[in-house]
């Protein structure tokens, strides 16, 4: 029996529509697929370390090969990863690469008290927890990093009275800045592939807040 190529084996989990255009129930499926700690971890490994075989990802994460394949299929279905058959030496190898896509949502777009609202709110909480873990990881690792990288990192915050319109405007400005900066970094990486780089995470949150008690 002829073994199907990697490309053909993954056709059944290919995205049904253009990733990033989902709404309503389809968007909820995307949120459920992505906001799973293991799946997000796999996405970040592929993003920071490049394409990899299923076996390599299993060794890198300590997960079972079958578990890695299961999570990759879910991520593939919603456009977060894509097969990389061009890297396989034979049909037995299953390579994957990250497939950057947009993902944004508002819990308020779903009616209060519905399952959709709950899924959207749970995704927001999962996203926040992921960001907290990332900061904790950075603070634990920072003392062992070169000084230039410790000095390059930054943190800033503000606490001022503002209108809803001003708050929304700041969010738009910060989103545009991070988007443009990310694109410039990718372009520079292609133009200067030998430059010393590390995966860098930028997190932005703008929200109304009262005084925070110790």
Protein backbone atom coordinates (compact mmCIF):
# COMPACT_ATOMS: atom_id res chain seq x y z
CA UNK A 1 0.00 0.00 0.00
CA UNK A 2 1.35 3.42 -0.98
CA UNK A 3 1.64 5.78 1.97
CA UNK A 4 -0.02 9.15 1.45
CA UNK A 5 2.22 12.19 1.45
CA UNK A 6 2.19 14.49 4.49
CA UNK A 7 0.32 17.10 2.49
CA UNK A 8 -2.50 14.70 1.66
CA UNK A 9 -2.65 13.29 5.20
CA UNK A 10 -3.47 16.71 6.61
CA UNK A 11 -6.15 17.72 4.11
CA UNK A 12 -8.93 16.65 6.47
CA UNK A 13 -7.85 19.23 9.06
CA UNK A 14 -7.18 22.11 6.66
CA UNK A 15 -9.01 25.37 7.54
CA UNK A 16 -12.51 25.48 6.08
CA UNK A 17 -12.28 29.25 5.53
CA UNK A 18 -9.71 32.02 5.54
CA UNK A 19 -8.22 32.23 9.06
CA UNK A 20 -8.96 35.53 10.76
CA UNK A 21 -12.38 36.01 9.17
CA UNK A 22 -14.34 33.98 11.72
CA UNK A 23 -17.24 35.37 13.72
CA UNK A 24 -20.04 34.10 15.93
CA UNK A 25 -19.95 30.35 16.63
CA UNK A 26 -16.94 29.88 14.33
CA UNK A 27 -14.94 32.38 16.38
CA UNK A 28 -15.83 30.51 19.57
CA UNK A 29 -14.39 27.31 18.07
CA UNK A 30 -11.18 29.20 17.29
CA UNK A 31 -10.93 30.54 20.85
CA UNK A 32 -11.43 27.07 22.32
CA UNK A 33 -8.79 25.60 20.01
CA UNK A 34 -6.14 28.22 20.71
CA UNK A 35 -6.58 28.99 24.39
CA UNK A 36 -5.39 25.61 25.53
CA UNK A 37 -2.04 25.96 27.36
CA UNK A 38 -0.40 23.08 25.49
CA UNK A 39 -1.53 24.26 22.07
CA UNK A 40 -0.37 27.79 22.68
CA UNK A 41 2.95 26.40 23.91
CA UNK A 42 3.38 24.40 20.70
CA UNK A 43 2.62 27.50 18.64
CA UNK A 44 5.26 29.48 20.49
CA UNK A 45 7.86 26.72 20.14
CA UNK A 46 7.29 26.64 16.37
CA UNK A 47 7.29 30.43 16.19
CA UNK A 48 10.53 30.91 18.12
CA UNK A 49 12.48 27.81 17.07
CA UNK A 50 11.25 27.28 13.52
CA UNK A 51 9.59 24.33 11.72
CA UNK A 52 9.87 20.95 13.40
CA UNK A 53 8.85 17.32 13.11
CA UNK A 54 6.21 15.89 15.41
CA UNK A 55 8.85 13.73 17.06
CA UNK A 56 11.10 16.73 17.63
CA UNK A 57 8.25 18.67 19.23
CA UNK A 58 7.47 15.70 21.46
CA UNK A 59 11.09 15.52 22.62
CA UNK A 60 11.23 19.30 23.09
CA UNK A 61 8.07 19.47 25.22
CA UNK A 62 8.05 16.07 26.90
CA UNK A 63 4.64 15.30 25.42
CA UNK A 64 3.70 12.01 23.80
CA UNK A 65 3.94 11.94 20.01
CA UNK A 66 0.23 11.13 19.74
CA UNK A 67 -0.65 14.07 21.97
CA UNK A 68 1.44 16.46 19.88
CA UNK A 69 -0.23 15.23 16.68
CA UNK A 70 -3.69 15.66 18.24
CA UNK A 71 -3.01 19.27 19.25
CA UNK A 72 -1.40 20.15 15.92
CA UNK A 73 -4.47 18.93 14.05
CA UNK A 74 -6.69 21.21 16.14
CA UNK A 75 -4.35 24.15 15.52
CA UNK A 76 -4.20 23.37 11.80
CA UNK A 77 -7.98 23.35 11.50
CA UNK A 78 -8.08 26.99 12.59
CA UNK A 79 -5.02 28.24 10.75
CA UNK A 80 -2.46 28.56 13.55
CA UNK A 81 -0.02 26.02 12.09
CA UNK A 82 0.49 24.49 8.67
CA UNK A 83 2.11 21.29 7.36
CA UNK A 84 5.63 21.74 5.96
CA UNK A 85 5.94 18.74 3.56
CA UNK A 86 8.74 20.49 1.71
CA UNK A 87 11.01 19.78 4.69
CA UNK A 88 10.24 16.05 4.92
CA UNK A 89 12.86 13.61 3.68
CA UNK A 90 10.23 10.92 3.07
CA UNK A 91 6.47 10.36 3.52
CA UNK A 92 6.93 9.09 7.06
CA UNK A 93 8.01 12.48 8.37
CA UNK A 94 5.40 15.00 9.46
CA UNK A 95 6.79 18.53 9.61
CA UNK A 96 4.92 21.61 10.81
CA UNK A 97 5.53 25.37 10.76
CA UNK A 98 3.79 28.32 12.39
CA UNK A 99 1.16 30.09 10.29
CA UNK A 100 0.72 33.63 11.70
CA UNK A 101 -2.88 34.79 11.72
CA UNK A 102 -4.96 37.49 13.38
CA UNK A 103 -7.12 36.71 16.39
CA UNK A 104 -9.18 39.34 18.19
CA UNK A 105 -12.48 39.24 20.02
CA UNK A 106 -14.68 41.06 22.51
CA UNK A 107 -16.70 39.20 25.12
CA UNK A 108 -19.24 42.01 24.79
CA UNK A 109 -20.02 40.85 21.24
CA UNK A 110 -21.82 37.88 22.79
CA UNK A 111 -25.04 38.17 24.77
CA UNK A 112 -24.57 38.16 28.53
CA UNK A 113 -25.49 34.85 30.13
CA UNK A 114 -24.98 32.80 26.95
CA UNK A 115 -22.46 30.03 26.38
CA UNK A 116 -20.77 32.22 23.77
CA UNK A 117 -20.19 34.97 26.32
CA UNK A 118 -18.75 32.46 28.77
CA UNK A 119 -16.35 31.01 26.17
CA UNK A 120 -15.18 34.49 25.20
CA UNK A 121 -14.64 35.48 28.83
CA UNK A 122 -12.82 32.21 29.58
CA UNK A 123 -10.54 32.89 26.61
CA UNK A 124 -9.79 36.36 27.97
CA UNK A 125 -8.89 34.87 31.34
CA UNK A 126 -6.72 32.17 29.74
CA UNK A 127 -4.94 34.85 27.72
CA UNK A 128 -4.26 36.90 30.85
CA UNK A 129 -2.91 33.87 32.71
CA UNK A 130 -0.61 33.11 29.78
CA UNK A 131 0.74 36.65 29.90
CA UNK A 132 1.30 36.43 33.66
CA UNK A 133 3.22 33.16 33.23
CA UNK A 134 5.35 34.82 30.56
CA UNK A 135 6.25 37.71 32.88
CA UNK A 136 7.03 35.35 35.74
CA UNK A 137 9.27 33.30 33.44
CA UNK A 138 11.08 36.46 32.34
CA UNK A 139 11.66 37.67 35.91
CA UNK A 140 13.05 34.28 36.91
CA UNK A 141 15.39 34.08 33.90
CA UNK A 142 16.48 37.73 33.72
CA UNK A 143 19.41 37.49 36.20
CA UNK A 144 21.09 34.90 33.96
CA UNK A 145 20.77 36.89 30.73
CA UNK A 146 23.43 39.24 29.28
CA UNK A 147 23.20 42.80 30.62
CA UNK A 148 22.37 44.24 27.20
CA UNK A 149 19.19 42.18 27.10
CA UNK A 150 18.23 43.08 30.68
CA UNK A 151 18.66 46.77 29.84
CA UNK A 152 16.75 46.40 26.57
CA UNK A 153 13.65 45.10 28.35
CA UNK A 154 11.26 47.70 29.69
CA UNK A 155 8.06 48.20 31.63
CA UNK A 156 5.87 51.27 31.90
CA UNK A 157 2.44 52.11 33.23
CA UNK A 158 0.24 55.08 33.90
CA UNK A 159 -2.76 55.81 36.12
CA UNK A 160 -4.74 58.87 35.04
CA UNK A 161 -8.39 59.93 34.69
CA UNK A 162 -9.57 59.43 31.09
CA UNK A 163 -12.77 59.20 29.08
CA UNK A 164 -13.91 56.04 27.33
CA UNK A 165 -13.00 57.65 24.01
CA UNK A 166 -9.48 58.49 25.20
CA UNK A 167 -9.04 54.96 26.53
CA UNK A 168 -10.09 53.46 23.20
CA UNK A 169 -7.77 55.86 21.36
CA UNK A 170 -4.77 54.77 23.45
CA UNK A 171 -5.59 51.13 22.74
CA UNK A 172 -5.67 51.81 19.00
CA UNK A 173 -2.36 53.69 19.09
CA UNK A 174 -0.59 50.97 21.06
CA UNK A 175 -1.97 48.23 18.81
CA UNK A 176 -0.75 50.07 15.70
CA UNK A 177 2.68 50.64 17.27
CA UNK A 178 3.15 46.99 18.24
CA UNK A 179 1.91 45.81 14.83
CA UNK A 180 4.29 48.12 12.94
CA UNK A 181 7.22 47.23 15.22
CA UNK A 182 6.61 43.51 14.75
CA UNK A 183 6.50 43.86 10.97
CA UNK A 184 9.74 45.85 11.01
CA UNK A 185 11.44 43.16 13.12
CA UNK A 186 10.40 40.43 10.68
CA UNK A 187 11.62 42.44 7.70
CA UNK A 188 14.95 43.14 9.40
CA UNK A 189 15.35 39.43 10.26
CA UNK A 190 15.05 38.62 6.56
CA UNK A 191 17.47 41.37 5.55
CA UNK A 192 20.02 40.62 8.29
CA UNK A 193 19.69 36.93 9.21
CA UNK A 194 23.04 36.86 11.05
CA UNK A 195 22.10 39.47 13.68
CA UNK A 196 21.81 38.20 17.26
CA UNK A 197 18.13 37.86 18.13
CA UNK A 198 15.94 36.44 20.86
CA UNK A 199 12.18 35.86 20.86
CA UNK A 200 10.73 39.06 22.37
CA UNK A 201 7.24 39.38 23.78
CA UNK A 202 5.37 42.68 23.97
CA UNK A 203 2.15 42.74 26.00
CA UNK A 204 -0.24 45.67 26.06
CA UNK A 205 -3.34 46.14 28.19
CA UNK A 206 -5.46 49.26 28.59
CA UNK A 207 -8.35 49.12 31.04
CA UNK A 208 -10.20 51.14 33.72
CA UNK A 209 -8.89 50.36 37.19
CA UNK A 210 -9.38 51.48 40.75
CA UNK A 211 -6.63 51.71 43.38
CA UNK A 212 -4.88 48.36 43.84
CA UNK A 213 -4.59 47.29 47.47
CA UNK A 214 -1.41 45.45 48.60
